[in-house]
Amino acid sequence: VGKILKKDDIVIYESTVYPGATEE
């Protein structure tokens, strides 16, 4: 996703992770 990410795009994660994983 990062390779094709553009300004103002939104990436939404649904996968189960530990608290903080998305941002860390």
mmCIF file of all heavy atoms, coordinates in Angstrom:
data_MODEL
# 
_entry.id   MODEL 
# 
loop_
_atom_site.group_PDB 
_atom_site.id 
_atom_site.type_symbol 
_atom_site.label_atom_id 
_atom_site.label_alt_id 
_atom_site.label_comp_id 
_atom_site.label_asym_id 
_atom_site.label_entity_id 
_atom_site.label_seq_id 
_atom_site.pdbx_PDB_ins_code 
_atom_site.Cartn_x 
_atom_site.Cartn_y 
_atom_site.Cartn_z 
_atom_site.occupancy 
_atom_site.B_iso_or_equiv 
_atom_site.pdbx_formal_charge 
_atom_site.auth_seq_id 
_atom_site.auth_comp_id 
_atom_site.auth_asym_id 
_atom_site.auth_atom_id 
_atom_site.pdbx_PDB_model_num 
ATOM 1   N N   . VAL A 1 1  ? 0.834   -1.201 0.000  1.00 0.00 ? 1  VAL A N   1 
ATOM 2   C CA  . VAL A 1 1  ? 0.000   0.000  0.000  1.00 0.00 ? 1  VAL A CA  1 
ATOM 3   C C   . VAL A 1 1  ? 0.872   1.255  0.000  1.00 0.00 ? 1  VAL A C   1 
ATOM 4   O O   . VAL A 1 1  ? 0.591   2.231  -0.711 1.00 0.00 ? 1  VAL A O   1 
ATOM 5   C CB  . VAL A 1 1  ? -0.962  -0.002 1.204  1.00 0.00 ? 1  VAL A CB  1 
ATOM 6   C CG1 . VAL A 1 1  ? -1.696  1.344  1.309  1.00 0.00 ? 1  VAL A CG1 1 
ATOM 7   C CG2 . VAL A 1 1  ? -1.980  -1.139 1.091  1.00 0.00 ? 1  VAL A CG2 1 
ATOM 8   N N   . GLY A 1 2  ? 1.949   1.225  0.788  1.00 0.00 ? 2  GLY A N   1 
ATOM 9   C CA  . GLY A 1 2  ? 2.839   2.371  0.876  1.00 0.00 ? 2  GLY A CA  1 
ATOM 10  C C   . GLY A 1 2  ? 3.436   2.773  -0.469 1.00 0.00 ? 2  GLY A C   1 
ATOM 11  O O   . GLY A 1 2  ? 3.659   3.963  -0.730 1.00 0.00 ? 2  GLY A O   1 
ATOM 12  N N   . LYS A 1 3  ? 3.682   1.795  -1.331 1.00 0.00 ? 3  LYS A N   1 
ATOM 13  C CA  . LYS A 1 3  ? 4.276   2.066  -2.652 1.00 0.00 ? 3  LYS A CA  1 
ATOM 14  C C   . LYS A 1 3  ? 3.354   2.888  -3.545 1.00 0.00 ? 3  LYS A C   1 
ATOM 15  O O   . LYS A 1 3  ? 3.819   3.579  -4.447 1.00 0.00 ? 3  LYS A O   1 
ATOM 16  C CB  . LYS A 1 3  ? 4.633   0.744  -3.339 1.00 0.00 ? 3  LYS A CB  1 
ATOM 17  C CG  . LYS A 1 3  ? 5.785   -0.004 -2.690 1.00 0.00 ? 3  LYS A CG  1 
ATOM 18  C CD  . LYS A 1 3  ? 5.997   -1.363 -3.334 1.00 0.00 ? 3  LYS A CD  1 
ATOM 19  C CE  . LYS A 1 3  ? 7.125   -2.124 -2.641 1.00 0.00 ? 3  LYS A CE  1 
ATOM 20  N NZ  . LYS A 1 3  ? 7.298   -3.489 -3.193 1.00 0.00 ? 3  LYS A NZ  1 
ATOM 21  N N   . ILE A 1 4  ? 2.047   2.797  -3.301 1.00 0.00 ? 4  ILE A N   1 
ATOM 22  C CA  . ILE A 1 4  ? 1.094   3.501  -4.164 1.00 0.00 ? 4  ILE A CA  1 
ATOM 23  C C   . ILE A 1 4  ? 0.307   4.570  -3.405 1.00 0.00 ? 4  ILE A C   1 
ATOM 24  O O   . ILE A 1 4  ? -0.625  5.163  -3.939 1.00 0.00 ? 4  ILE A O   1 
ATOM 25  C CB  . ILE A 1 4  ? 0.107   2.507  -4.820 1.00 0.00 ? 4  ILE A CB  1 
ATOM 26  C CG1 . ILE A 1 4  ? -0.619  1.679  -3.766 1.00 0.00 ? 4  ILE A CG1 1 
ATOM 27  C CG2 . ILE A 1 4  ? 0.841   1.589  -5.794 1.00 0.00 ? 4  ILE A CG2 1 
ATOM 28  C CD1 . ILE A 1 4  ? -1.710  0.771  -4.357 1.00 0.00 ? 4  ILE A CD1 1 
ATOM 29  N N   . LEU A 1 5  ? 0.705   4.822  -2.147 1.00 0.00 ? 5  LEU A N   1 
ATOM 30  C CA  . LEU A 1 5  ? -0.011  5.776  -1.300 1.00 0.00 ? 5  LEU A CA  1 
ATOM 31  C C   . LEU A 1 5  ? 0.153   7.195  -1.817 1.00 0.00 ? 5  LEU A C   1 
ATOM 32  O O   . LEU A 1 5  ? 1.248   7.599  -2.228 1.00 0.00 ? 5  LEU A O   1 
ATOM 33  C CB  . LEU A 1 5  ? 0.496   5.665  0.135  1.00 0.00 ? 5  LEU A CB  1 
ATOM 34  C CG  . LEU A 1 5  ? -0.422  6.190  1.256  1.00 0.00 ? 5  LEU A CG  1 
ATOM 35  C CD1 . LEU A 1 5  ? -1.729  5.427  1.297  1.00 0.00 ? 5  LEU A CD1 1 
ATOM 36  C CD2 . LEU A 1 5  ? 0.297   6.114  2.603  1.00 0.00 ? 5  LEU A CD2 1 
ATOM 37  N N   . LYS A 1 6  ? -0.945  7.971  -1.792 1.00 0.00 ? 6  LYS A N   1 
ATOM 38  C CA  . LYS A 1 6  ? -0.942  9.346  -2.285 1.00 0.00 ? 6  LYS A CA  1 
ATOM 39  C C   . LYS A 1 6  ? -1.408  10.288 -1.178 1.00 0.00 ? 6  LYS A C   1 
ATOM 40  O O   . LYS A 1 6  ? -1.903  9.862  -0.136 1.00 0.00 ? 6  LYS A O   1 
ATOM 41  C CB  . LYS A 1 6  ? -1.879  9.454  -3.495 1.00 0.00 ? 6  LYS A CB  1 
ATOM 42  C CG  . LYS A 1 6  ? -1.607  8.447  -4.595 1.00 0.00 ? 6  LYS A CG  1 
ATOM 43  C CD  . LYS A 1 6  ? -2.625  8.477  -5.699 1.00 0.00 ? 6  LYS A CD  1 
ATOM 44  C CE  . LYS A 1 6  ? -4.028  8.171  -5.209 1.00 0.00 ? 6  LYS A CE  1 
ATOM 45  N NZ  . LYS A 1 6  ? -4.163  6.805  -4.600 1.00 0.00 ? 6  LYS A NZ  1 
ATOM 46  N N   . LYS A 1 7  ? -1.248  11.559 -1.439 1.00 0.00 ? 7  LYS A N   1 
ATOM 47  C CA  . LYS A 1 7  ? -1.670  12.575 -0.478 1.00 0.00 ? 7  LYS A CA  1 
ATOM 48  C C   . LYS A 1 7  ? -3.176  12.475 -0.232 1.00 0.00 ? 7  LYS A C   1 
ATOM 49  O O   . LYS A 1 7  ? -3.958  12.302 -1.156 1.00 0.00 ? 7  LYS A O   1 
ATOM 50  C CB  . LYS A 1 7  ? -1.314  13.970 -0.988 1.00 0.00 ? 7  LYS A CB  1 
ATOM 51  C CG  . LYS A 1 7  ? -1.530  15.087 0.046  1.00 0.00 ? 7  LYS A CG  1 
ATOM 52  C CD  . LYS A 1 7  ? -0.971  16.394 -0.444 1.00 0.00 ? 7  LYS A CD  1 
ATOM 53  C CE  . LYS A 1 7  ? -1.317  17.550 0.506  1.00 0.00 ? 7  LYS A CE  1 
ATOM 54  N NZ  . LYS A 1 7  ? -0.844  17.301 1.899  1.00 0.00 ? 7  LYS A NZ  1 
ATOM 55  N N   . ASP A 1 8  ? -3.557  12.549 1.030  1.00 0.00 ? 8  ASP A N   1 
ATOM 56  C CA  . ASP A 1 8  ? -4.944  12.515 1.506  1.00 0.00 ? 8  ASP A CA  1 
ATOM 57  C C   . ASP A 1 8  ? -5.579  11.120 1.480  1.00 0.00 ? 8  ASP A C   1 
ATOM 58  O O   . ASP A 1 8  ? -6.766  10.981 1.777  1.00 0.00 ? 8  ASP A O   1 
ATOM 59  C CB  . ASP A 1 8  ? -5.843  13.499 0.740  1.00 0.00 ? 8  ASP A CB  1 
ATOM 60  C CG  . ASP A 1 8  ? -5.417  14.948 0.947  1.00 0.00 ? 8  ASP A CG  1 
ATOM 61  O OD1 . ASP A 1 8  ? -4.925  15.277 2.049  1.00 0.00 ? 8  ASP A OD1 1 
ATOM 62  O OD2 . ASP A 1 8  ? -5.574  15.745 0.003  1.00 0.00 ? 8  ASP A OD2 1 
ATOM 63  N N   . ASP A 1 9  ? -4.822  10.098 1.118  1.00 0.00 ? 9  ASP A N   1 
ATOM 64  C CA  . ASP A 1 9  ? -5.357  8.735  1.160  1.00 0.00 ? 9  ASP A CA  1 
ATOM 65  C C   . ASP A 1 9  ? -5.568  8.287  2.607  1.00 0.00 ? 9  ASP A C   1 
ATOM 66  O O   . ASP A 1 9  ? -4.926  8.787  3.538  1.00 0.00 ? 9  ASP A O   1 
ATOM 67  C CB  . ASP A 1 9  ? -4.417  7.744  0.460  1.00 0.00 ? 9  ASP A CB  1 
ATOM 68  C CG  . ASP A 1 9  ? -4.470  7.853  -1.049 1.00 0.00 ? 9  ASP A CG  1 
ATOM 69  O OD1 . ASP A 1 9  ? -5.290  8.633  -1.565 1.00 0.00 ? 9  ASP A OD1 1 
ATOM 70  O OD2 . ASP A 1 9  ? -3.677  7.156  -1.725 1.00 0.00 ? 9  ASP A OD2 1 
ATOM 71  N N   . ILE A 1 10 ? -6.468  7.319  2.773  1.00 0.00 ? 10 ILE A N   1 
ATOM 72  C CA  . ILE A 1 10 ? -6.757  6.752  4.093  1.00 0.00 ? 10 ILE A CA  1 
ATOM 73  C C   . ILE A 1 10 ? -6.513  5.238  4.038  1.00 0.00 ? 10 ILE A C   1 
ATOM 74  O O   . ILE A 1 10 ? -7.005  4.554  3.142  1.00 0.00 ? 10 ILE A O   1 
ATOM 75  C CB  . ILE A 1 10 ? -8.221  7.017  4.516  1.00 0.00 ? 10 ILE A CB  1 
ATOM 76  C CG1 . ILE A 1 10 ? -8.511  8.519  4.542  1.00 0.00 ? 10 ILE A CG1 1 
ATOM 77  C CG2 . ILE A 1 10 ? -8.494  6.400  5.891  1.00 0.00 ? 10 ILE A CG2 1 
ATOM 78  C CD1 . ILE A 1 10 ? -9.986  8.842  4.784  1.00 0.00 ? 10 ILE A CD1 1 
ATOM 79  N N   . VAL A 1 11 ? -5.769  4.734  5.012  1.00 0.00 ? 11 VAL A N   1 
ATOM 80  C CA  . VAL A 1 11 ? -5.528  3.290  5.128  1.00 0.00 ? 11 VAL A CA  1 
ATOM 81  C C   . VAL A 1 11 ? -6.224  2.794  6.388  1.00 0.00 ? 11 VAL A C   1 
ATOM 82  O O   . VAL A 1 11 ? -5.908  3.231  7.491  1.00 0.00 ? 11 VAL A O   1 
ATOM 83  C CB  . VAL A 1 11 ? -4.019  2.959  5.195  1.00 0.00 ? 11 VAL A CB  1 
ATOM 84  C CG1 . VAL A 1 11 ? -3.828  1.437  5.179  1.00 0.00 ? 11 VAL A CG1 1 
ATOM 85  C CG2 . VAL A 1 11 ? -3.258  3.614  4.046  1.00 0.00 ? 11 VAL A CG2 1 
ATOM 86  N N   . ILE A 1 12 ? -7.175  1.893  6.215  1.00 0.00 ? 12 ILE A N   1 
ATOM 87  C CA  . ILE A 1 12 ? -7.946  1.349  7.334  1.00 0.00 ? 12 ILE A CA  1 
ATOM 88  C C   . ILE A 1 12 ? -7.543  -0.113 7.546  1.00 0.00 ? 12 ILE A C   1 
ATOM 89  O O   . ILE A 1 12 ? -7.592  -0.914 6.625  1.00 0.00 ? 12 ILE A O   1 
ATOM 90  C CB  . ILE A 1 12 ? -9.464  1.429  7.061  1.00 0.00 ? 12 ILE A CB  1 
ATOM 91  C CG1 . ILE A 1 12 ? -9.881  2.880  6.769  1.00 0.00 ? 12 ILE A CG1 1 
ATOM 92  C CG2 . ILE A 1 12 ? -10.252 0.882  8.251  1.00 0.00 ? 12 ILE A CG2 1 
ATOM 93  C CD1 . ILE A 1 12 ? -11.299 3.018  6.252  1.00 0.00 ? 12 ILE A CD1 1 
ATOM 94  N N   . TYR A 1 13 ? -7.170  -0.442 8.760  1.00 0.00 ? 13 TYR A N   1 
ATOM 95  C CA  . TYR A 1 13 ? -6.793  -1.814 9.091  1.00 0.00 ? 13 TYR A CA  1 
ATOM 96  C C   . TYR A 1 13 ? -7.932  -2.514 9.827  1.00 0.00 ? 13 TYR A C   1 
ATOM 97  O O   . TYR A 1 13 ? -8.585  -1.919 10.696 1.00 0.00 ? 13 TYR A O   1 
ATOM 98  C CB  . TYR A 1 13 ? -5.521  -1.831 9.943  1.00 0.00 ? 13 TYR A CB  1 
ATOM 99  C CG  . TYR A 1 13 ? -4.290  -1.398 9.186  1.00 0.00 ? 13 TYR A CG  1 
ATOM 100 C CD1 . TYR A 1 13 ? -3.880  -0.070 9.194  1.00 0.00 ? 13 TYR A CD1 1 
ATOM 101 C CD2 . TYR A 1 13 ? -3.555  -2.311 8.443  1.00 0.00 ? 13 TYR A CD2 1 
ATOM 102 C CE1 . TYR A 1 13 ? -2.757  0.338  8.493  1.00 0.00 ? 13 TYR A CE1 1 
ATOM 103 C CE2 . TYR A 1 13 ? -2.421  -1.911 7.733  1.00 0.00 ? 13 TYR A CE2 1 
ATOM 104 C CZ  . TYR A 1 13 ? -2.030  -0.596 7.760  1.00 0.00 ? 13 TYR A CZ  1 
ATOM 105 O OH  . TYR A 1 13 ? -0.921  -0.205 7.049  1.00 0.00 ? 13 TYR A OH  1 
ATOM 106 N N   . GLU A 1 14 ? -8.155  -3.786 9.461  1.00 0.00 ? 14 GLU A N   1 
ATOM 107 C CA  . GLU A 1 14 ? -9.173  -4.593 10.135 1.00 0.00 ? 14 GLU A CA  1 
ATOM 108 C C   . GLU A 1 14 ? -8.566  -5.796 10.865 1.00 0.00 ? 14 GLU A C   1 
ATOM 109 O O   . GLU A 1 14 ? -9.256  -6.460 11.628 1.00 0.00 ? 14 GLU A O   1 
ATOM 110 C CB  . GLU A 1 14 ? -10.226 -5.080 9.133  1.00 0.00 ? 14 GLU A CB  1 
ATOM 111 C CG  . GLU A 1 14 ? -11.144 -3.992 8.608  1.00 0.00 ? 14 GLU A CG  1 
ATOM 112 C CD  . GLU A 1 14 ? -12.566 -4.477 8.403  1.00 0.00 ? 14 GLU A CD  1 
ATOM 113 O OE1 . GLU A 1 14 ? -12.826 -5.668 8.602  1.00 0.00 ? 14 GLU A OE1 1 
ATOM 114 O OE2 . GLU A 1 14 ? -13.427 -3.672 8.065  1.00 0.00 ? 14 GLU A OE2 1 
ATOM 115 N N   . SER A 1 15 ? -7.318  -6.084 10.604 1.00 0.00 ? 15 SER A N   1 
ATOM 116 C CA  . SER A 1 15 ? -6.666  -7.253 11.182 1.00 0.00 ? 15 SER A CA  1 
ATOM 117 C C   . SER A 1 15 ? -6.527  -7.116 12.700 1.00 0.00 ? 15 SER A C   1 
ATOM 118 O O   . SER A 1 15 ? -6.266  -6.027 13.215 1.00 0.00 ? 15 SER A O   1 
ATOM 119 C CB  . SER A 1 15 ? -5.283  -7.454 10.557 1.00 0.00 ? 15 SER A CB  1 
ATOM 120 O OG  . SER A 1 15 ? -5.367  -7.491 9.135  1.00 0.00 ? 15 SER A OG  1 
ATOM 121 N N   . THR A 1 16 ? -6.687  -8.233 13.409 1.00 0.00 ? 16 THR A N   1 
ATOM 122 C CA  . THR A 1 16 ? -6.528  -8.240 14.856 1.00 0.00 ? 16 THR A CA  1 
ATOM 123 C C   . THR A 1 16 ? -5.058  -8.062 15.220 1.00 0.00 ? 16 THR A C   1 
ATOM 124 O O   . THR A 1 16 ? -4.198  -8.801 14.745 1.00 0.00 ? 16 THR A O   1 
ATOM 125 C CB  . THR A 1 16 ? -7.043  -9.553 15.453 1.00 0.00 ? 16 THR A CB  1 
ATOM 126 O OG1 . THR A 1 16 ? -8.415  -9.727 15.093 1.00 0.00 ? 16 THR A OG1 1 
ATOM 127 C CG2 . THR A 1 16 ? -6.920  -9.537 16.970 1.00 0.00 ? 16 THR A CG2 1 
ATOM 128 N N   . VAL A 1 17 ? -4.784  -7.075 16.069 1.00 0.00 ? 17 VAL A N   1 
ATOM 129 C CA  . VAL A 1 17 ? -3.408  -6.782 16.486 1.00 0.00 ? 17 VAL A CA  1 
ATOM 130 C C   . VAL A 1 17 ? -3.407  -6.413 17.958 1.00 0.00 ? 17 VAL A C   1 
ATOM 131 O O   . VAL A 1 17 ? -4.454  -6.261 18.579 1.00 0.00 ? 17 VAL A O   1 
ATOM 132 C CB  . VAL A 1 17 ? -2.809  -5.619 15.660 1.00 0.00 ? 17 VAL A CB  1 
ATOM 133 C CG1 . VAL A 1 17 ? -2.587  -6.039 14.218 1.00 0.00 ? 17 VAL A CG1 1 
ATOM 134 C CG2 . VAL A 1 17 ? -3.720  -4.383 15.727 1.00 0.00 ? 17 VAL A CG2 1 
ATOM 135 N N   . TYR A 1 18 ? -2.220  -6.266 18.536 1.00 0.00 ? 18 TYR A N   1 
ATOM 136 C CA  . TYR A 1 18 ? -2.135  -5.773 19.896 1.00 0.00 ? 18 TYR A CA  1 
ATOM 137 C C   . TYR A 1 18 ? -2.292  -4.247 19.902 1.00 0.00 ? 18 TYR A C   1 
ATOM 138 O O   . TYR A 1 18 ? -2.067  -3.591 18.877 1.00 0.00 ? 18 TYR A O   1 
ATOM 139 C CB  . TYR A 1 18 ? -0.815  -6.171 20.561 1.00 0.00 ? 18 TYR A CB  1 
ATOM 140 C CG  . TYR A 1 18 ? 0.435   -5.799 19.789 1.00 0.00 ? 18 TYR A CG  1 
ATOM 141 C CD1 . TYR A 1 18 ? 0.912   -4.493 19.770 1.00 0.00 ? 18 TYR A CD1 1 
ATOM 142 C CD2 . TYR A 1 18 ? 1.146   -6.765 19.102 1.00 0.00 ? 18 TYR A CD2 1 
ATOM 143 C CE1 . TYR A 1 18 ? 2.062   -4.144 19.070 1.00 0.00 ? 18 TYR A CE1 1 
ATOM 144 C CE2 . TYR A 1 18 ? 2.300   -6.433 18.392 1.00 0.00 ? 18 TYR A CE2 1 
ATOM 145 C CZ  . TYR A 1 18 ? 2.744   -5.128 18.382 1.00 0.00 ? 18 TYR A CZ  1 
ATOM 146 O OH  . TYR A 1 18 ? 3.875   -4.791 17.684 1.00 0.00 ? 18 TYR A OH  1 
ATOM 147 N N   . PRO A 1 19 ? -2.728  -3.665 21.005 1.00 0.00 ? 19 PRO A N   1 
ATOM 148 C CA  . PRO A 1 19 ? -2.914  -2.213 21.055 1.00 0.00 ? 19 PRO A CA  1 
ATOM 149 C C   . PRO A 1 19 ? -1.632  -1.460 20.716 1.00 0.00 ? 19 PRO A C   1 
ATOM 150 O O   . PRO A 1 19 ? -0.582  -1.710 21.302 1.00 0.00 ? 19 PRO A O   1 
ATOM 151 C CB  . PRO A 1 19 ? -3.334  -1.962 22.513 1.00 0.00 ? 19 PRO A CB  1 
ATOM 152 C CG  . PRO A 1 19 ? -3.906  -3.264 22.974 1.00 0.00 ? 19 PRO A CG  1 
ATOM 153 C CD  . PRO A 1 19 ? -3.127  -4.322 22.266 1.00 0.00 ? 19 PRO A CD  1 
ATOM 154 N N   . GLY A 1 20 ? -1.726  -0.589 19.753 1.00 0.00 ? 20 GLY A N   1 
ATOM 155 C CA  . GLY A 1 20 ? -0.581  0.212  19.337 1.00 0.00 ? 20 GLY A CA  1 
ATOM 156 C C   . GLY A 1 20 ? 0.062   -0.249 18.046 1.00 0.00 ? 20 GLY A C   1 
ATOM 157 O O   . GLY A 1 20 ? 0.890   0.470  17.467 1.00 0.00 ? 20 GLY A O   1 
ATOM 158 N N   . ALA A 1 21 ? -0.287  -1.438 17.553 1.00 0.00 ? 21 ALA A N   1 
ATOM 159 C CA  . ALA A 1 21 ? 0.389   -2.014 16.388 1.00 0.00 ? 21 ALA A CA  1 
ATOM 160 C C   . ALA A 1 21 ? 0.214   -1.174 15.125 1.00 0.00 ? 21 ALA A C   1 
ATOM 161 O O   . ALA A 1 21 ? 1.143   -1.021 14.334 1.00 0.00 ? 21 ALA A O   1 
ATOM 162 C CB  . ALA A 1 21 ? -0.099  -3.447 16.136 1.00 0.00 ? 21 ALA A CB  1 
ATOM 163 N N   . THR A 1 22 ? -0.983  -0.636 14.910 1.00 0.00 ? 22 THR A N   1 
ATOM 164 C CA  . THR A 1 22 ? -1.236  0.154  13.703 1.00 0.00 ? 22 THR A CA  1 
ATOM 165 C C   . THR A 1 22 ? -0.266  1.323  13.599 1.00 0.00 ? 22 THR A C   1 
ATOM 166 O O   . THR A 1 22 ? 0.379   1.542  12.576 1.00 0.00 ? 22 THR A O   1 
ATOM 167 C CB  . THR A 1 22 ? -2.688  0.671  13.671 1.00 0.00 ? 22 THR A CB  1 
ATOM 168 O OG1 . THR A 1 22 ? -3.588  -0.445 13.648 1.00 0.00 ? 22 THR A OG1 1 
ATOM 169 C CG2 . THR A 1 22 ? -2.936  1.547  12.444 1.00 0.00 ? 22 THR A CG2 1 
ATOM 170 N N   . GLU A 1 23 ? -0.153  2.080  14.707 1.00 0.00 ? 23 GLU A N   1 
ATOM 171 C CA  . GLU A 1 23 ? 0.679   3.279  14.689 1.00 0.00 ? 23 GLU A CA  1 
ATOM 172 C C   . GLU A 1 23 ? 2.164   2.987  14.904 1.00 0.00 ? 23 GLU A C   1 
ATOM 173 O O   . GLU A 1 23 ? 3.020   3.741  14.457 1.00 0.00 ? 23 GLU A O   1 
ATOM 174 C CB  . GLU A 1 23 ? 0.161   4.272  15.742 1.00 0.00 ? 23 GLU A CB  1 
ATOM 175 C CG  . GLU A 1 23 ? -1.196  4.868  15.338 1.00 0.00 ? 23 GLU A CG  1 
ATOM 176 C CD  . GLU A 1 23 ? -2.012  5.369  16.515 1.00 0.00 ? 23 GLU A CD  1 
ATOM 177 O OE1 . GLU A 1 23 ? -2.317  4.545  17.403 1.00 0.00 ? 23 GLU A OE1 1 
ATOM 178 O OE2 . GLU A 1 23 ? -2.359  6.559  16.534 1.00 0.00 ? 23 GLU A OE2 1 
ATOM 179 N N   . GLU A 1 24 ? 2.465   1.874  15.599 1.00 0.00 ? 24 GLU A N   1 
ATOM 180 C CA  . GLU A 1 24 ? 3.866   1.552  15.887 1.00 0.00 ? 24 GLU A CA  1 
ATOM 181 C C   . GLU A 1 24 ? 4.528   0.714  14.797 1.00 0.00 ? 24 GLU A C   1 
ATOM 182 O O   . GLU A 1 24 ? 5.742   0.832  14.577 1.00 0.00 ? 24 GLU A O   1 
ATOM 183 C CB  . GLU A 1 24 ? 3.948   0.796  17.217 1.00 0.00 ? 24 GLU A CB  1 
ATOM 184 C CG  . GLU A 1 24 ? 3.535   1.621  18.425 1.00 0.00 ? 24 GLU A CG  1 
ATOM 185 C CD  . GLU A 1 24 ? 3.338   0.768  19.672 1.00 0.00 ? 24 GLU A CD  1 
ATOM 186 O OE1 . GLU A 1 24 ? 3.733   -0.425 19.652 1.00 0.00 ? 24 GLU A OE1 1 
ATOM 187 O OE2 . GLU A 1 24 ? 2.785   1.274  20.668 1.00 0.00 ? 24 GLU A OE2 1 
# 
